[in-house]
Amino acid sequence: MPSRRSLAVGIAALGLALPIATSAEAKRYAFGSRPLAEGSRGSDVRTLQRYLTRVGLRTEVDGMYGPHTARRVKSWERRSGSRRVNGRLSRREARRMRSQVARGVMVFHPAPQASPAPSGEKATLNSDGTANAPSSAPPEVKGAIAAANRIVGKPYKYGGGHGRWEDSGYDCSGAMSYALHGGGLLNRQLTSGDFMSWGRSGRGSWITVYANSGHGYLVIAGLRFDTGWHGGGSGPRWSDEMRPSDGYAIRHPKGF
């Protein structure tokens, strides 16, 4: 009686394929049945990518846990109060995400599209150094101007505004972060170097960020919010005088 091995060899010789599990079948995992991290592949990664999109973090669905998916998971972890923000999805986190999807929870809401600033519509500079937002400005722009007003007159302090939002003084990026946070456009402090790649490229219709590795400032509704250059002294303040922007990356928050 021929052995199984000889039968298999004979079948192979006839060009017939033996039934074996495909790689796709081998990677059919139930979501939450294992931890996921960069390098993971399978149906549960596809489920993760779909779930990330459903909670507000648009993610390509390709079944491969690459750097893009890891960044999205980190964003989800920050917004979901995870104890560790490391871009790896534990079984416990998978259960939390599944619950969010079932309840229709959105952890991130994309910034709404704002209408462009009307021609000639600018913020006005007050005698006390604060600014008034145009009446037509979106709430986010008004919030950023109101926040900036709260720290006008504070002294320049290297590193100020980075360890905490409310500080005794602010450096350039600390002041920028404070203003944008007040408008709901930023949830953590950034350095001037960080601002070089933040948001979208080019000037905005309401808010423009100017940044290089050593300095940064904002132009909001036609007024410059800065901690230096002309005007005497140093620290967060408004000016209706623009400064040369050569050597600065020019960015803006999406929709503004």
C-alpha atoms as a PDB file:
ATOM      1  CA  MET A   1       0.000   0.000   0.000  1.00  0.00           C
ATOM      2  CA  PRO A   2       1.534   3.338  -1.005  1.00  0.00           C
ATOM      3  CA  SER A   3       2.394   5.693   1.832  1.00  0.00           C
ATOM      4  CA  ARG A   4       0.839   9.132   2.258  1.00  0.00           C
ATOM      5  CA  ARG A   5       4.160  10.657   1.317  1.00  0.00           C
ATOM      6  CA  SER A   6       4.282   8.762  -1.981  1.00  0.00           C
ATOM      7  CA  LEU A   7       0.663   9.747  -2.707  1.00  0.00           C
ATOM      8  CA  ALA A   8       1.488  13.413  -2.099  1.00  0.00           C
ATOM      9  CA  VAL A   9       4.520  13.184  -4.358  1.00  0.00           C
ATOM     10  CA  GLY A  10       2.421  11.532  -7.033  1.00  0.00           C
ATOM     11  CA  ILE A  11      -0.273  14.202  -6.837  1.00  0.00           C
ATOM     12  CA  ALA A  12       2.362  16.948  -7.012  1.00  0.00           C
ATOM     13  CA  ALA A  13       3.876  15.265 -10.038  1.00  0.00           C
ATOM     14  CA  LEU A  14       0.493  15.408 -11.770  1.00  0.00           C
ATOM     15  CA  GLY A  15       0.401  19.187 -11.128  1.00  0.00           C
ATOM     16  CA  LEU A  16      -2.434  18.992  -8.624  1.00  0.00           C
ATOM     17  CA  ALA A  17      -2.346  21.305  -5.605  1.00  0.00           C
ATOM     18  CA  LEU A  18      -2.731  19.975  -2.118  1.00  0.00           C
ATOM     19  CA  PRO A  19      -5.277  21.908  -0.007  1.00  0.00           C
ATOM     20  CA  ILE A  20      -3.279  24.190   2.272  1.00  0.00           C
ATOM     21  CA  ALA A  21      -4.235  27.258   4.282  1.00  0.00           C
ATOM     22  CA  THR A  22      -3.566  30.521   2.459  1.00  0.00           C
ATOM     23  CA  SER A  23      -1.781  33.387   4.174  1.00  0.00           C
ATOM     24  CA  ALA A  24      -5.065  35.319   4.256  1.00  0.00           C
ATOM     25  CA  GLU A  25      -6.826  32.438   6.002  1.00  0.00           C
ATOM     26  CA  ALA A  26      -3.947  32.092   8.432  1.00  0.00           C
ATOM     27  CA  LYS A  27      -4.444  35.725   9.468  1.00  0.00           C
ATOM     28  CA  ARG A  28      -8.138  35.685  10.291  1.00  0.00           C
ATOM     29  CA  TYR A  29      -8.075  36.990  13.845  1.00  0.00           C
ATOM     30  CA  ALA A  30     -11.023  38.216  15.869  1.00  0.00           C
ATOM     31  CA  PHE A  31     -10.572  41.856  16.870  1.00  0.00           C
ATOM     32  CA  GLY A  32      -9.335  41.995  20.459  1.00  0.00           C
ATOM     33  CA  SER A  33      -8.092  38.401  20.512  1.00  0.00           C
ATOM     34  CA  ARG A  34      -4.450  39.538  20.559  1.00  0.00           C
ATOM     35  CA  PRO A  35      -2.434  42.744  21.143  1.00  0.00           C
ATOM     36  CA  LEU A  36      -1.624  44.701  17.979  1.00  0.00           C
ATOM     37  CA  ALA A  37       1.514  46.680  17.125  1.00  0.00           C
ATOM     38  CA  GLU A  38       3.576  47.749  14.135  1.00  0.00           C
ATOM     39  CA  GLY A  39       4.218  44.724  11.952  1.00  0.00           C
ATOM     40  CA  SER A  40       0.893  43.015  12.766  1.00  0.00           C
ATOM     41  CA  ARG A  41      -1.235  41.891   9.834  1.00  0.00           C
ATOM     42  CA  GLY A  42      -4.617  40.308   9.526  1.00  0.00           C
ATOM     43  CA  SER A  43      -8.338  40.761   9.571  1.00  0.00           C
ATOM     44  CA  ASP A  44      -8.262  42.276  13.079  1.00  0.00           C
ATOM     45  CA  VAL A  45      -5.940  45.024  11.804  1.00  0.00           C
ATOM     46  CA  ARG A  46      -8.481  45.801   9.086  1.00  0.00           C
ATOM     47  CA  THR A  47     -11.175  45.982  11.765  1.00  0.00           C
ATOM     48  CA  LEU A  48      -8.975  48.306  13.827  1.00  0.00           C
ATOM     49  CA  GLN A  49      -8.463  50.593  10.831  1.00  0.00           C
ATOM     50  CA  ARG A  50     -12.210  50.719  10.155  1.00  0.00           C
ATOM     51  CA  TYR A  51     -12.922  51.436  13.827  1.00  0.00           C
ATOM     52  CA  LEU A  52     -10.351  54.263  13.914  1.00  0.00           C
ATOM     53  CA  THR A  53     -12.143  55.913  11.006  1.00  0.00           C
ATOM     54  CA  ARG A  54     -15.514  55.501  12.728  1.00  0.00           C
ATOM     55  CA  VAL A  55     -14.292  57.258  15.888  1.00  0.00           C
ATOM     56  CA  GLY A  56     -13.026  60.195  13.832  1.00  0.00           C
ATOM     57  CA  LEU A  57      -9.447  59.246  12.898  1.00  0.00           C
ATOM     58  CA  ARG A  58      -9.531  58.471   9.189  1.00  0.00           C
ATOM     59  CA  THR A  59      -7.267  55.487   8.472  1.00  0.00           C
ATOM     60  CA  GLU A  60      -6.527  53.531   5.306  1.00  0.00           C
ATOM     61  CA  VAL A  61      -7.843  49.968   5.501  1.00  0.00           C
ATOM     62  CA  ASP A  62      -5.143  47.646   4.198  1.00  0.00           C
ATOM     63  CA  GLY A  63      -4.756  45.072   6.985  1.00  0.00           C
ATOM     64  CA  MET A  64      -1.157  46.132   7.653  1.00  0.00           C
ATOM     65  CA  TYR A  65      -0.215  47.816  10.946  1.00  0.00           C
ATOM     66  CA  GLY A  66       2.338  50.311   9.651  1.00  0.00           C
ATOM     67  CA  PRO A  67       3.561  53.717  10.903  1.00  0.00           C
ATOM     68  CA  HIS A  68       0.395  55.479   9.694  1.00  0.00           C
ATOM     69  CA  THR A  69      -1.865  53.172  11.712  1.00  0.00           C
ATOM     70  CA  ALA A  70       0.461  53.457  14.729  1.00  0.00           C
ATOM     71  CA  ARG A  71       0.177  57.271  14.636  1.00  0.00           C
ATOM     72  CA  ARG A  72      -3.599  57.007  14.473  1.00  0.00           C
ATOM     73  CA  VAL A  73      -3.626  54.629  17.452  1.00  0.00           C
ATOM     74  CA  LYS A  74      -1.478  57.090  19.431  1.00  0.00           C
ATOM     75  CA  SER A  75      -3.973  59.865  18.654  1.00  0.00           C
ATOM     76  CA  TRP A  76      -6.798  57.597  19.772  1.00  0.00           C
ATOM     77  CA  GLU A  77      -4.938  56.712  22.989  1.00  0.00           C
ATOM     78  CA  ARG A  78      -4.407  60.394  23.851  1.00  0.00           C
ATOM     79  CA  ARG A  79      -8.049  61.231  23.267  1.00  0.00           C
ATOM     80  CA  SER A  80      -9.329  58.161  25.091  1.00  0.00           C
ATOM     81  CA  GLY A  81      -7.336  58.645  28.294  1.00  0.00           C
ATOM     82  CA  SER A  82      -5.123  55.580  27.893  1.00  0.00           C
ATOM     83  CA  ARG A  83      -2.489  55.189  30.581  1.00  0.00           C
ATOM     84  CA  ARG A  84       0.155  54.476  27.953  1.00  0.00           C
ATOM     85  CA  VAL A  85       0.396  56.321  24.653  1.00  0.00           C
ATOM     86  CA  ASN A  86       2.662  54.045  22.665  1.00  0.00           C
ATOM     87  CA  GLY A  87       0.846  53.254  19.415  1.00  0.00           C
ATOM     88  CA  ARG A  88       0.184  49.664  20.465  1.00  0.00           C
ATOM     89  CA  LEU A  89      -3.333  48.375  20.960  1.00  0.00           C
ATOM     90  CA  SER A  90      -3.822  46.092  23.948  1.00  0.00           C
ATOM     91  CA  ARG A  91      -6.763  43.747  24.368  1.00  0.00           C
ATOM     92  CA  ARG A  92      -8.239  46.112  26.956  1.00  0.00           C
ATOM     93  CA  GLU A  93      -7.936  49.052  24.562  1.00  0.00           C
ATOM     94  CA  ALA A  94      -9.569  46.988  21.815  1.00  0.00           C
ATOM     95  CA  ARG A  95     -12.571  46.412  24.090  1.00  0.00           C
ATOM     96  CA  ARG A  96     -12.779  50.150  24.799  1.00  0.00           C
ATOM     97  CA  MET A  97     -12.613  51.005  21.106  1.00  0.00           C
ATOM     98  CA  ARG A  98     -15.286  48.449  20.249  1.00  0.00           C
ATOM     99  CA  SER A  99     -17.529  49.996  22.920  1.00  0.00           C
ATOM    100  CA  GLN A 100     -16.947  53.485  21.502  1.00  0.00           C
ATOM    101  CA  VAL A 101     -17.900  52.324  18.029  1.00  0.00           C
ATOM    102  CA  ALA A 102     -21.029  50.599  19.341  1.00  0.00           C
ATOM    103  CA  ARG A 103     -22.082  53.804  21.142  1.00  0.00           C
ATOM    104  CA  GLY A 104     -21.231  56.088  18.241  1.00  0.00           C
ATOM    105  CA  VAL A 105     -18.530  57.930  20.216  1.00  0.00           C
ATOM    106  CA  MET A 106     -16.301  60.310  18.219  1.00  0.00           C
ATOM    107  CA  VAL A 107     -12.958  60.959  19.907  1.00  0.00           C
ATOM    108  CA  PHE A 108     -11.930  63.464  17.249  1.00  0.00           C
ATOM    109  CA  HIS A 109     -14.014  65.973  15.327  1.00  0.00           C
ATOM    110  CA  PRO A 110     -12.271  67.471  12.276  1.00  0.00           C
ATOM    111  CA  ALA A 111     -12.036  71.243  12.382  1.00  0.00           C
ATOM    112  CA  PRO A 112     -15.040  72.774  10.616  1.00  0.00           C
ATOM    113  CA  GLN A 113     -14.456  74.605   7.388  1.00  0.00           C
ATOM    114  CA  ALA A 114     -14.517  78.342   8.089  1.00  0.00           C
ATOM    115  CA  SER A 115     -15.550  80.961   5.606  1.00  0.00           C
ATOM    116  CA  PRO A 116     -12.695  83.185   4.417  1.00  0.00           C
ATOM    117  CA  ALA A 117     -12.134  86.489   6.178  1.00  0.00           C
ATOM    118  CA  PRO A 118     -14.071  89.205   4.318  1.00  0.00           C
ATOM    119  CA  SER A 119     -11.871  91.611   2.409  1.00  0.00           C
ATOM    120  CA  GLY A 120     -10.687  94.357   4.749  1.00  0.00           C
ATOM    121  CA  GLU A 121     -12.233  92.666   7.800  1.00  0.00           C
ATOM    122  CA  LYS A 122      -9.529  92.764  10.474  1.00  0.00           C
ATOM    123  CA  ALA A 123      -9.157  92.678  14.206  1.00  0.00           C
ATOM    124  CA  THR A 124      -8.715  96.072  15.836  1.00  0.00           C
ATOM    125  CA  LEU A 125      -5.966  97.039  18.259  1.00  0.00           C
ATOM    126  CA  ASN A 126      -7.037  98.649  21.541  1.00  0.00           C
ATOM    127  CA  SER A 127      -5.127 101.280  23.482  1.00  0.00           C
ATOM    128  CA  ASP A 128      -4.432  98.785  26.287  1.00  0.00           C
ATOM    129  CA  GLY A 129      -2.675  96.416  23.884  1.00  0.00           C
ATOM    130  CA  THR A 130      -5.504  93.904  23.547  1.00  0.00           C
ATOM    131  CA  ALA A 131      -7.352  93.153  20.305  1.00  0.00           C
ATOM    132  CA  ASN A 132     -10.993  92.966  19.288  1.00  0.00           C
ATOM    133  CA  ALA A 133     -11.987  90.188  16.914  1.00  0.00           C
ATOM    134  CA  PRO A 134     -14.085  91.029  13.850  1.00  0.00           C
ATOM    135  CA  SER A 135     -17.754  90.293  14.405  1.00  0.00           C
ATOM    136  CA  SER A 136     -17.735  87.953  11.399  1.00  0.00           C
ATOM    137  CA  ALA A 137     -14.855  85.827  12.729  1.00  0.00           C
ATOM    138  CA  PRO A 138     -15.547  82.141  13.479  1.00  0.00           C
ATOM    139  CA  PRO A 139     -15.717  81.148  17.174  1.00  0.00           C
ATOM    140  CA  GLU A 140     -12.294  79.506  16.971  1.00  0.00           C
ATOM    141  CA  VAL A 141     -10.696  82.759  15.822  1.00  0.00           C
ATOM    142  CA  LYS A 142     -12.490  84.763  18.505  1.00  0.00           C
ATOM    143  CA  GLY A 143     -11.368  82.202  21.088  1.00  0.00           C
ATOM    144  CA  ALA A 144      -7.739  82.466  19.968  1.00  0.00           C
ATOM    145  CA  ILE A 145      -7.816  86.278  20.152  1.00  0.00           C
ATOM    146  CA  ALA A 146      -9.465  86.211  23.591  1.00  0.00           C
ATOM    147  CA  ALA A 147      -6.833  83.773  24.870  1.00  0.00           C
ATOM    148  CA  ALA A 148      -3.990  85.877  23.461  1.00  0.00           C
ATOM    149  CA  ASN A 149      -5.473  88.940  25.173  1.00  0.00           C
ATOM    150  CA  ARG A 150      -5.223  87.174  28.549  1.00  0.00           C
ATOM    151  CA  ILE A 151      -1.435  86.952  28.330  1.00  0.00           C
ATOM    152  CA  VAL A 152      -0.724  90.312  26.665  1.00  0.00           C
ATOM    153  CA  GLY A 153       1.783  92.149  28.860  1.00  0.00           C
ATOM    154  CA  LYS A 154       3.244  89.014  30.421  1.00  0.00           C
ATOM    155  CA  PRO A 155       7.066  89.024  30.333  1.00  0.00           C
ATOM    156  CA  TYR A 156       9.126  86.926  27.981  1.00  0.00           C
ATOM    157  CA  LYS A 157      10.214  83.757  29.783  1.00  0.00           C
ATOM    158  CA  TYR A 158      12.301  81.088  28.074  1.00  0.00           C
ATOM    159  CA  GLY A 159      10.296  77.855  28.228  1.00  0.00           C
ATOM    160  CA  GLY A 160       7.309  79.741  29.601  1.00  0.00           C
ATOM    161  CA  GLY A 161       3.927  78.250  28.799  1.00  0.00           C
ATOM    162  CA  HIS A 162       5.323  74.794  28.103  1.00  0.00           C
ATOM    163  CA  GLY A 163       5.204  73.157  31.515  1.00  0.00           C
ATOM    164  CA  ARG A 164       1.696  74.480  32.157  1.00  0.00           C
ATOM    165  CA  TRP A 165      -0.863  76.563  30.323  1.00  0.00           C
ATOM    166  CA  GLU A 166      -1.108  79.302  32.961  1.00  0.00           C
ATOM    167  CA  ASP A 167       2.392  80.642  33.574  1.00  0.00           C
ATOM    168  CA  SER A 168       4.135  83.782  34.846  1.00  0.00           C
ATOM    169  CA  GLY A 169       5.674  84.412  31.415  1.00  0.00           C
ATOM    170  CA  TYR A 170       5.768  82.965  27.913  1.00  0.00           C
ATOM    171  CA  ASP A 171       8.270  82.375  25.157  1.00  0.00           C
ATOM    172  CA  CYS A 172       7.298  82.667  21.498  1.00  0.00           C
ATOM    173  CA  SER A 173       5.980  79.140  20.979  1.00  0.00           C
ATOM    174  CA  GLY A 174       4.417  79.040  24.451  1.00  0.00           C
ATOM    175  CA  ALA A 175       2.410  82.163  23.587  1.00  0.00           C
ATOM    176  CA  MET A 176       1.435  80.766  20.185  1.00  0.00           C
ATOM    177  CA  SER A 177       0.335  77.491  21.761  1.00  0.00           C
ATOM    178  CA  TYR A 178      -1.710  79.337  24.411  1.00  0.00           C
ATOM    179  CA  ALA A 179      -3.595  81.382  21.811  1.00  0.00           C
ATOM    180  CA  LEU A 180      -4.331  78.421  19.543  1.00  0.00           C
ATOM    181  CA  HIS A 181      -5.350  76.284  22.521  1.00  0.00           C
ATOM    182  CA  GLY A 182      -7.827  78.998  23.495  1.00  0.00           C
ATOM    183  CA  GLY A 183      -9.397  78.667  20.074  1.00  0.00           C
ATOM    184  CA  GLY A 184      -9.689  74.887  20.432  1.00  0.00           C
ATOM    185  CA  LEU A 185      -7.163  74.387  17.634  1.00  0.00           C
ATOM    186  CA  LEU A 186      -4.375  72.808  19.688  1.00  0.00           C
ATOM    187  CA  ASN A 187      -4.414  70.410  22.641  1.00  0.00           C
ATOM    188  CA  ARG A 188      -0.747  70.476  23.653  1.00  0.00           C
ATOM    189  CA  GLN A 189       2.145  72.910  23.682  1.00  0.00           C
ATOM    190  CA  LEU A 190       4.426  72.942  20.632  1.00  0.00           C
ATOM    191  CA  THR A 191       7.900  74.361  20.063  1.00  0.00           C
ATOM    192  CA  SER A 192       8.669  76.724  17.197  1.00  0.00           C
ATOM    193  CA  GLY A 193      10.311  73.769  15.437  1.00  0.00           C
ATOM    194  CA  ASP A 194       7.119  71.744  15.854  1.00  0.00           C
ATOM    195  CA  PHE A 195       5.090  74.554  14.290  1.00  0.00           C
ATOM    196  CA  MET A 196       7.192  74.310  11.124  1.00  0.00           C
ATOM    197  CA  SER A 197       5.247  71.197  10.134  1.00  0.00           C
ATOM    198  CA  TRP A 198       1.984  71.824  11.997  1.00  0.00           C
ATOM    199  CA  GLY A 199      -1.338  72.268  10.225  1.00  0.00           C
ATOM    200  CA  ARG A 200      -1.463  72.945   6.503  1.00  0.00           C
ATOM    201  CA  SER A 201       1.069  74.634   4.237  1.00  0.00           C
ATOM    202  CA  GLY A 202       0.648  78.280   3.266  1.00  0.00           C
ATOM    203  CA  ARG A 203      -1.182  81.299   4.629  1.00  0.00           C
ATOM    204  CA  GLY A 204      -4.606  80.870   6.181  1.00  0.00           C
ATOM    205  CA  SER A 205      -7.703  82.961   5.629  1.00  0.00           C
ATOM    206  CA  TRP A 206      -7.925  83.837   9.345  1.00  0.00           C
ATOM    207  CA  ILE A 207      -4.828  82.472  11.110  1.00  0.00           C
ATOM    208  CA  THR A 208      -1.284  82.109   9.803  1.00  0.00           C
ATOM    209  CA  VAL A 209       1.651  80.557  11.673  1.00  0.00           C
ATOM    210  CA  TYR A 210       5.201  81.701  10.933  1.00  0.00           C
ATOM    211  CA  ALA A 211       7.910  79.476  12.407  1.00  0.00           C
ATOM    212  CA  ASN A 212      11.539  78.520  12.126  1.00  0.00           C
ATOM    213  CA  SER A 213      13.846  76.594  14.439  1.00  0.00           C
ATOM    214  CA  GLY A 214      14.460  79.632  16.638  1.00  0.00           C
ATOM    215  CA  HIS A 215      11.290  81.712  16.628  1.00  0.00           C
ATOM    216  CA  GLY A 216       7.630  81.802  15.733  1.00  0.00           C
ATOM    217  CA  TYR A 217       4.668  84.154  15.690  1.00  0.00           C
ATOM    218  CA  LEU A 218       1.028  84.315  14.600  1.00  0.00           C
ATOM    219  CA  VAL A 219      -1.002  86.603  12.393  1.00  0.00           C
ATOM    220  CA  ILE A 220      -4.654  86.410  13.406  1.00  0.00           C
ATOM    221  CA  ALA A 221      -7.300  88.404  11.545  1.00  0.00           C
ATOM    222  CA  GLY A 222      -4.658  90.807  10.262  1.00  0.00           C
ATOM    223  CA  LEU A 223      -2.807  91.448  13.546  1.00  0.00           C
ATOM    224  CA  ARG A 224       0.578  90.020  14.507  1.00  0.00           C
ATOM    225  CA  PHE A 225       0.818  88.224  17.858  1.00  0.00           C
ATOM    226  CA  ASP A 226       4.493  88.005  18.752  1.00  0.00           C
ATOM    227  CA  THR A 227       6.999  88.146  21.608  1.00  0.00           C
ATOM    228  CA  GLY A 228       9.659  90.257  19.938  1.00  0.00           C
ATOM    229  CA  TRP A 229      10.814  92.521  17.128  1.00  0.00           C
ATOM    230  CA  HIS A 230       9.600  96.142  17.022  1.00  0.00           C
ATOM    231  CA  GLY A 231       7.496  97.704  19.759  1.00  0.00           C
ATOM    232  CA  GLY A 232       9.806  97.885  22.789  1.00  0.00           C
ATOM    233  CA  GLY A 233      10.288  95.258  25.460  1.00  0.00           C
ATOM    234  CA  SER A 234       9.575  91.598  24.949  1.00  0.00           C
ATOM    235  CA  GLY A 235       6.719  89.274  25.736  1.00  0.00           C
ATOM    236  CA  PRO A 236       3.350  88.401  24.176  1.00  0.00           C
ATOM    237  CA  ARG A 237       1.693  91.360  22.476  1.00  0.00           C
ATOM    238  CA  TRP A 238      -0.260  92.440  19.423  1.00  0.00           C
ATOM    239  CA  SER A 239       0.984  94.647  16.608  1.00  0.00           C
ATOM    240  CA  ASP A 240      -0.545  95.948  13.402  1.00  0.00           C
ATOM    241  CA  GLU A 241       2.944  96.076  11.884  1.00  0.00           C
ATOM    242  CA  MET A 242       4.081  93.005   9.996  1.00  0.00           C
ATOM    243  CA  ARG A 243       7.658  91.703  10.083  1.00  0.00           C
ATOM    244  CA  PRO A 244       9.765  90.112   7.330  1.00  0.00           C
ATOM    245  CA  SER A 245       8.859  86.446   6.929  1.00  0.00           C
ATOM    246  CA  ASP A 246      11.924  85.285   4.999  1.00  0.00           C
ATOM    247  CA  GLY A 247      13.258  82.047   6.458  1.00  0.00           C
ATOM    248  CA  TYR A 248       9.989  81.113   8.138  1.00  0.00           C
ATOM    249  CA  ALA A 249       7.787  78.108   7.399  1.00  0.00           C
ATOM    250  CA  ILE A 250       4.280  79.401   6.740  1.00  0.00           C
ATOM    251  CA  ARG A 251       1.429  77.217   7.976  1.00  0.00           C
ATOM    252  CA  HIS A 252      -2.218  77.493   8.986  1.00  0.00           C
ATOM    253  CA  PRO A 253      -4.808  75.407  10.858  1.00  0.00           C
ATOM    254  CA  LYS A 254      -7.064  73.437   8.527  1.00  0.00           C
ATOM    255  CA  GLY A 255     -10.119  75.458   7.560  1.00  0.00           C
ATOM    256  CA  PHE A 256      -8.792  78.738   8.919  1.00  0.00           C
END
